[in-house]
Amino acid sequence: MMHLDAKAISCPDYSLVVRGFLSTVPDNERAHIVTREPRALKRMEHICSVYEWQLDVSQKNDDIHFMVTKKKV
């Protein structure tokens, strides 16, 4: 599993960094992304729906955790 700590990154840079990171994750692997960006949920939902990847979300205090399973389309 690959990890990205994106807590210090805000929009619009957040989307660029996350897309770049996810492009390095092999197909059928999971990625864990942590952020504090309040607009990240909408962006992650969009990215995952376009590529038909599975997205699981949880939140602990100010940290939002995304678990993305990259399925080959």
Protein backbone atom coordinates (compact mmCIF):
# COMPACT_ATOMS: atom_id res chain seq x y z
CA MET A 1 0.00 0.00 0.00
CA MET A 2 1.29 3.44 -0.90
CA HIS A 3 0.76 6.47 1.36
CA LEU A 4 0.50 10.21 0.72
CA ASP A 5 0.44 12.74 3.54
CA ALA A 6 -1.27 15.72 1.90
CA LYS A 7 -2.23 17.55 5.12
CA ALA A 8 -0.17 20.62 4.21
CA ILE A 9 -1.52 20.86 0.64
CA SER A 10 -4.60 22.90 -0.17
CA CYS A 11 -6.61 23.45 -3.34
CA PRO A 12 -5.97 23.93 -6.19
CA ASP A 13 -2.59 22.21 -5.69
CA TYR A 14 -4.26 19.31 -3.86
CA SER A 15 -5.86 17.90 -7.00
CA LEU A 16 -2.64 18.07 -8.99
CA VAL A 17 -0.57 16.40 -6.29
CA VAL A 18 -3.12 13.63 -5.69
CA ARG A 19 -3.57 12.88 -9.39
CA GLY A 20 0.20 12.68 -9.80
CA PHE A 21 0.49 10.39 -6.80
CA LEU A 22 -2.34 8.10 -7.94
CA SER A 23 -0.73 7.79 -11.38
CA THR A 24 2.24 6.07 -9.66
CA VAL A 25 0.07 3.54 -7.84
CA PRO A 26 -0.03 0.20 -9.70
CA ASP A 27 -3.37 -1.22 -10.84
CA ASN A 28 -5.16 -3.39 -8.27
CA GLU A 29 -3.23 -1.74 -5.42
CA ARG A 30 -4.49 0.44 -2.58
CA ALA A 31 -3.45 3.96 -1.74
CA HIS A 32 -3.93 5.81 1.53
CA ILE A 33 -4.20 9.60 1.35
CA VAL A 34 -4.51 11.86 4.40
CA THR A 35 -5.61 15.47 4.04
CA ARG A 36 -7.15 18.37 5.89
CA GLU A 37 -8.48 20.02 2.74
CA PRO A 38 -12.25 20.48 3.23
CA ARG A 39 -12.96 20.34 -0.53
CA ALA A 40 -11.02 17.10 -1.01
CA LEU A 41 -14.02 14.78 -0.68
CA LYS A 42 -15.75 16.15 -3.80
CA ARG A 43 -12.50 15.99 -5.75
CA MET A 44 -11.73 12.44 -4.67
CA GLU A 45 -15.27 11.30 -5.46
CA HIS A 46 -14.93 12.78 -8.94
CA ILE A 47 -11.50 11.25 -9.63
CA CYS A 48 -12.59 7.82 -8.43
CA SER A 49 -15.87 7.87 -10.33
CA VAL A 50 -14.15 8.78 -13.61
CA TYR A 51 -11.71 5.87 -13.30
CA GLU A 52 -14.17 3.52 -11.53
CA TRP A 53 -11.88 3.13 -8.53
CA GLN A 54 -13.20 2.21 -5.10
CA LEU A 55 -13.11 4.99 -2.51
CA ASP A 56 -13.48 4.54 1.24
CA VAL A 57 -13.50 7.61 3.47
CA SER A 58 -13.08 8.10 7.18
CA GLN A 59 -12.39 11.11 9.35
CA LYS A 60 -10.56 11.45 12.63
CA ASN A 61 -10.49 14.93 14.12
CA ASP A 62 -9.32 17.26 11.31
CA ASP A 63 -7.76 14.48 9.24
CA ILE A 64 -9.66 12.98 6.33
CA HIS A 65 -8.45 9.53 5.27
CA PHE A 66 -9.05 8.23 1.77
CA MET A 67 -8.44 4.62 0.84
CA VAL A 68 -8.40 4.25 -2.93
CA THR A 69 -8.36 0.86 -4.60
CA LYS A 70 -7.14 1.30 -8.15
CA LYS A 71 -9.01 -1.13 -10.35
CA LYS A 72 -7.89 -1.51 -13.92
CA VAL A 73 -10.63 -0.26 -16.24
